[in-house]
Protein backbone atom coordinates (compact mmCIF):
# COMPACT_ATOMS: atom_id res chain seq x y z
CA MET A 1 116.58 92.20 99.07
CA THR A 2 114.86 95.49 99.89
CA GLU A 3 117.07 98.54 99.43
CA THR A 4 117.42 101.09 102.22
CA ALA A 5 116.43 104.72 101.58
CA ILE A 6 117.34 106.13 105.01
CA THR A 7 119.64 104.92 107.76
CA VAL A 8 119.36 106.51 111.21
CA ARG A 9 122.32 105.88 113.49
CA GLY A 10 122.17 106.68 117.21
CA VAL A 11 120.15 109.86 116.75
CA SER A 12 119.17 112.04 119.68
CA ALA A 13 117.37 115.31 119.04
CA GLY A 14 115.12 117.88 120.62
CA TYR A 15 114.45 121.56 121.11
CA GLY A 16 116.73 123.72 123.23
CA ALA A 17 117.57 121.92 126.44
CA THR A 18 114.75 119.38 125.97
CA THR A 19 115.72 116.05 124.40
CA VAL A 20 112.80 114.39 122.63
CA LEU A 21 114.48 111.53 120.75
CA HIS A 22 116.93 109.22 122.50
CA ASP A 23 119.51 107.14 120.61
CA ILE A 24 117.31 106.17 117.65
CA THR A 25 118.82 103.60 115.27
CA ALA A 26 116.54 102.54 112.43
CA THR A 27 116.21 101.99 108.69
CA VAL A 28 113.58 103.06 106.16
CA PRO A 29 113.17 100.82 103.09
CA ARG A 30 113.12 102.35 99.63
CA ALA A 31 109.90 102.58 97.58
CA ARG A 32 107.71 101.36 100.44
CA VAL A 33 105.44 102.93 103.04
CA THR A 34 106.92 103.26 106.52
CA ALA A 35 104.63 104.19 109.40
CA LEU A 36 105.94 106.02 112.45
CA VAL A 37 103.66 104.71 115.16
CA GLY A 38 103.17 105.97 118.69
CA HIS A 39 100.96 107.96 121.02
CA ASN A 40 100.90 111.76 120.92
CA GLY A 41 104.16 113.01 122.37
CA SER A 42 106.11 109.88 121.47
CA GLY A 43 108.45 111.79 119.14
CA LYS A 44 106.95 111.06 115.72
CA SER A 45 106.90 114.66 114.48
CA THR A 46 110.38 115.28 115.83
CA LEU A 47 111.72 112.25 113.98
CA LEU A 48 110.07 113.45 110.78
CA GLY A 49 111.80 116.79 111.26
CA VAL A 50 115.14 115.00 111.60
CA LEU A 51 114.49 112.88 108.48
CA ALA A 52 113.56 116.03 106.57
CA ALA A 53 116.80 117.74 107.70
CA CYS A 54 114.72 120.51 109.29
CA LEU A 55 116.05 119.56 112.73
CA THR A 56 119.72 118.82 113.37
CA PRO A 57 120.39 115.90 115.75
CA SER A 58 122.37 116.61 118.89
CA ASP A 59 123.97 113.17 118.49
CA GLY A 60 124.11 110.57 115.74
CA ALA A 61 123.56 110.89 112.01
CA VAL A 62 121.01 110.34 109.24
CA GLU A 63 122.12 108.95 105.89
CA HIS A 64 119.95 109.39 102.79
CA ALA A 65 120.69 107.01 99.93
CA GLY A 66 120.06 109.07 96.82
CA ALA A 67 116.34 109.87 97.28
CA GLY A 68 116.98 113.56 96.74
CA ARG A 69 115.83 116.43 98.91
CA PRO A 70 113.03 115.23 101.23
CA ALA A 71 109.54 116.68 100.78
CA LEU A 72 107.85 117.28 104.15
CA VAL A 73 104.06 117.60 104.31
CA PRO A 74 102.96 119.03 107.67
CA GLN A 75 99.64 118.51 109.39
CA ARG A 76 96.84 120.68 108.05
CA VAL A 77 97.37 124.34 108.83
CA HIS A 78 94.82 127.04 109.53
CA ILE A 79 94.39 129.41 106.59
CA PRO A 80 93.50 132.99 107.59
CA ALA A 81 90.24 134.09 106.00
CA ALA A 82 91.93 137.17 104.54
CA LEU A 83 94.65 135.20 102.74
CA PRO A 84 93.75 134.90 99.03
CA MET A 85 95.38 131.61 98.06
CA THR A 86 93.97 129.04 95.66
CA VAL A 87 94.66 125.33 95.48
CA ARG A 88 96.85 125.93 92.42
CA ASP A 89 98.81 128.63 94.29
CA ALA A 90 99.44 126.25 97.18
CA VAL A 91 100.61 123.40 94.96
CA ALA A 92 102.82 125.81 92.99
CA MET A 93 104.73 126.54 96.20
CA GLY A 94 106.16 123.04 95.87
CA ARG A 95 108.19 124.28 92.88
CA TRP A 96 109.99 126.89 94.98
CA ALA A 97 112.62 124.34 95.93
CA HIS A 98 113.65 124.24 92.27
CA ARG A 99 113.06 127.80 91.09
CA GLY A 100 112.80 130.04 94.13
CA TRP A 101 109.64 131.97 94.99
CA TRP A 102 110.65 135.03 92.98
CA ARG A 103 110.89 133.40 89.55
CA PRO A 104 107.83 132.94 87.32
CA LEU A 105 106.64 129.43 86.59
CA ASN A 106 107.73 127.97 83.28
CA ARG A 107 105.97 125.41 81.13
CA LYS A 108 107.53 122.46 82.95
CA ASP A 109 106.49 123.86 86.35
CA LYS A 110 102.91 124.30 85.20
CA ALA A 111 102.82 120.76 83.83
CA VAL A 112 104.13 119.36 87.12
CA ILE A 113 101.56 121.34 89.11
CA ALA A 114 98.71 120.14 86.90
CA GLU A 115 99.91 116.53 87.10
CA CYS A 116 100.19 116.59 90.90
CA MET A 117 96.73 118.10 91.36
CA GLU A 118 95.26 115.47 89.05
CA ARG A 119 97.06 112.67 90.85
CA VAL A 120 95.53 113.46 94.24
CA GLY A 121 92.12 114.41 92.87
CA VAL A 122 92.06 118.18 93.40
CA ALA A 123 92.45 119.39 89.79
CA HIS A 124 88.78 120.41 89.70
CA LEU A 125 89.43 122.58 92.77
CA ALA A 126 92.38 124.46 91.25
CA ARG A 127 90.72 127.88 91.53
CA ARG A 128 89.08 127.24 94.88
CA GLN A 129 90.31 129.25 97.86
CA LEU A 130 92.10 127.14 100.48
CA ARG A 131 89.83 128.43 103.24
CA GLU A 132 86.84 126.93 101.38
CA LEU A 133 88.19 123.37 101.36
CA SER A 134 87.12 120.45 103.49
CA GLY A 135 89.71 118.75 105.69
CA GLY A 136 90.26 115.95 103.18
CA GLN A 137 90.58 118.38 100.26
CA SER A 138 93.04 120.51 102.19
CA GLN A 139 95.19 117.50 103.06
CA ARG A 140 95.24 116.27 99.45
CA THR A 141 96.32 119.77 98.38
CA LEU A 142 99.25 119.64 100.80
CA ILE A 143 100.23 116.21 99.45
CA ALA A 144 100.13 117.61 95.90
CA GLN A 145 102.40 120.43 97.07
CA GLY A 146 104.85 117.84 98.40
CA LEU A 147 104.72 115.86 95.16
CA ALA A 148 105.41 119.03 93.17
CA GLN A 149 108.87 119.07 94.75
CA ARG A 150 109.63 115.96 92.70
CA SER A 151 111.37 114.20 95.57
CA GLY A 152 111.81 110.47 95.91
CA LEU A 153 111.14 110.79 99.64
CA LEU A 154 107.78 112.05 100.92
CA LEU A 155 107.36 112.66 104.67
CA LEU A 156 103.82 113.10 106.00
CA ASP A 157 102.84 114.19 109.52
CA GLU A 158 99.51 112.60 110.53
CA PRO A 159 98.05 112.90 106.99
CA ALA A 160 94.67 111.36 107.86
CA ALA A 161 94.19 112.68 111.41
CA GLY A 162 90.82 114.29 112.06
CA LEU A 163 89.32 113.29 108.71
CA ASP A 164 86.14 111.31 108.18
CA GLN A 165 86.39 107.66 107.14
CA ASP A 166 86.01 108.29 103.40
CA ALA A 167 88.67 111.02 103.40
CA GLN A 168 91.04 108.84 105.43
CA GLU A 169 90.64 105.98 102.97
CA ARG A 170 91.31 108.26 100.02
CA ILE A 171 94.49 109.61 101.61
CA MET A 172 95.77 106.13 102.42
CA ASN A 173 95.04 104.94 98.88
CA ILE A 174 97.11 107.84 97.53
CA ILE A 175 99.98 106.87 99.84
CA ASP A 176 99.82 103.25 98.66
CA ASP A 177 99.84 104.34 95.01
CA LEU A 178 102.86 106.60 95.52
CA ALA A 179 104.91 103.77 97.01
CA GLY A 180 103.81 101.57 94.13
CA ASP A 181 105.34 104.13 91.78
CA GLY A 182 108.70 103.99 93.54
CA ILE A 183 108.39 106.88 96.00
CA THR A 184 109.57 106.25 99.57
CA VAL A 185 106.80 107.39 101.92
CA VAL A 186 107.13 107.87 105.68
CA HIS A 187 104.02 108.92 107.59
CA ALA A 188 103.37 109.48 111.27
CA THR A 189 100.22 107.97 112.70
CA HIS A 190 98.66 106.82 115.93
CA ASP A 191 96.03 104.80 114.02
CA PRO A 192 96.81 101.04 114.11
CA GLY A 193 94.67 100.49 111.01
CA ALA A 194 96.72 102.95 108.97
CA ALA A 195 99.96 101.49 110.34
CA ARG A 196 98.98 97.96 109.32
CA ARG A 197 98.68 99.10 105.70
CA ALA A 198 102.38 100.07 105.69
CA GLY A 199 105.17 97.76 104.61
CA HIS A 200 107.39 98.76 107.53
CA CYS A 201 106.82 100.29 110.96
CA LEU A 202 108.87 102.16 113.53
CA LEU A 203 107.22 102.01 116.95
CA LEU A 204 108.12 104.93 119.23
CA ASP A 205 107.44 105.38 122.91
CA ASP A 206 108.62 108.37 124.92
CA GLY A 207 111.20 109.29 122.29
CA ARG A 208 112.70 105.82 122.06
CA LEU A 209 112.46 103.22 119.32
CA VAL A 210 110.70 100.20 120.82
CA ARG A 211 110.55 97.97 117.75
CA GLN A 212 110.85 98.11 113.98
CA GLY A 213 109.80 95.76 111.22
CA PRO A 214 106.66 94.52 109.44
CA PRO A 215 103.41 95.77 111.03
CA ASP A 216 102.18 92.29 112.01
CA ALA A 217 105.40 91.65 113.88
CA ILE A 218 105.38 94.79 116.03
CA LEU A 219 101.74 95.88 116.45
CA HIS A 220 99.53 94.21 119.03
């Protein structure tokens, strides 16, 4: 029997007076890939925010079963040209959850950073400025930052959106490998091909959960 990493019970959530999610009840299996599927505006990013505990539901509750503090990887962000930040600097930010931004990195932190960069294939870019990266390189750097938090739950918002086919495939392979190593991965997507690679899907429409289960059972 597959263990459950997250249980969502009757969750409604939104921003100010606007309700985006309506009475969502769902489960996320442990150590598998779960795809949040739906058109733009269906509530995928809002649900990720709730799962990450960045957004408090107005109703209902979310129960995490021992996966630790969630690591949320946002969509690619624009890096101002004047901001001097390298790939290593960006990945190191993932250690702030453990040490705070004001403390110097210790030997363990540096080892974790190096391991995470190697795992997603950006170690050779460690000294490269973020503004110089391609879309795929930038997204892999953000994933490495999430991994550096050493969480058992990785939440990704449209990780392959806007990338070319090769970069998309590389990102999805990384996601598959992470689940194979016991990490619970939840990623938002509107790409049916990416969703079909997941082990579990939550299909959203207009802020409501339409179906959940194996991809072949809910995607048409």
